[in-house]
Structure formats: structure tokens, C-alpha cells
Amino acid sequence: MIRSELVKWIIICFLFAGCREKESIPRPRAYPRVEYPEKEYREFSTAECPFSFEYPVYADTINKKEACWFDLEIKSFNAKIHCSYHPISSRADYEDFVKDAYDIADRINYRANYMEETPFKNDNAVGGIILEWTGPAASPIHFFLTDTTQHFFKAALYFNAEVQPDSLAPITEFIKKDIQHMISTFRWEP
């Protein structure tokens, strides 16, 4: 009988010991919820630049010192699309601009996991190449537009943050749709 009473008390002690509150372990930091704005566009067109296109209303235009060099700043995503235009005066100019675009791509590709190159031509007879990277790339999307004889437009998406491809991927996909809209509405002005 004493033995059974002892076993009962030992079991009760183990139950109470097992009911202690567990130590809390801090959880990893979560990424903030991103609020995506409605897709709406306005036209970019200036007398100084021989092109026009539509860009998101939630982007601000920041002009640079040179004509037709500007940023489309998307403050809510801490991102910028750096844009630059170069007139082509010779075949050598065109080849230099394309080489420069691919030199930059090679530097980005050094850290990235994968690069995809997609040629395109929109309904306004504007052609070009879209370059996209996955992995820890400094810039996930670059593109250039040209008619190969007179005009060369180059743009690149950059985030003002440390590269964390997994956390930036949804935002990159959202902005990618805006870039695709820019490209599809891009036209050379006479």
C-alpha cells in the first residue's frame, strides 16, 4: 500500500513538473505587410525627349542634370527605375550602347543565380531586350529600347535596400507588370 501511494505521488509530481510554462523562444522577424496600389497610369511626355510612354501614377519623376535622364521613384516600395536616353548618330554609337548595357548585365550576373534575356517588339515598332535576374542581384530587371538608327533608351529597377530576393520577389513581380506596361506603350516621337 505504501508503495502504491509513493508511485501515485511520483506520478503527480511528474505531471506538475511537466505542466510548467515552456521558455519562450524569439521568433524570426517577419516582413511587413505590403499594400499594393491600384494599377493606374499616366503619360510621360516632354518636349526635350523624343519618346513617350505610360508609367504608374504612384511613381514620381525625378529629373537628373542631363536631358532625358530621370528616375521613376516608387517611394512606397523604396524603389527606383533609372532611365536614360541616348541619341544614336552612327552604327558605332548603337554598338557601344548595346555593349554598355551587356557590360552592366555581366556585372550583375556575377552575383545572380540566373539571367533571362527576352527580346521583344511592341505595337509601336519599338524593339529591345529585357534582362531579368533571380537570386542576390543588385537589380532584378534591366531593359533597353531602340530603333537601332536614331534612339536608344535604357532603364533598370533598383531597390534602396539590402538585396533579399525572397522578400523582394512579390514587389519585383508587381513592378515588373508596370515595366511591361511602360514598354508596351513606349513610342518614339517625331
Foldseek 3Di string as FASTA:
>chain_A
DVVVVVVVVVVVVVVVVVPDDDDDDDDDDDDDDADDDDFDWDKDDDPQAQKMFIFGPQWDWADDPDPQWIWGHNVSQQKIKTKHKDWDDDLVSLVVVVVVVVVVVVVQVVQFDDKDKDWDAAPQRKTWIWIATADQGQFGIKIWIDNSHTMIMIITMGHPDHRDRVVCVVVCVVVVVRVVRRRNGMHGHD
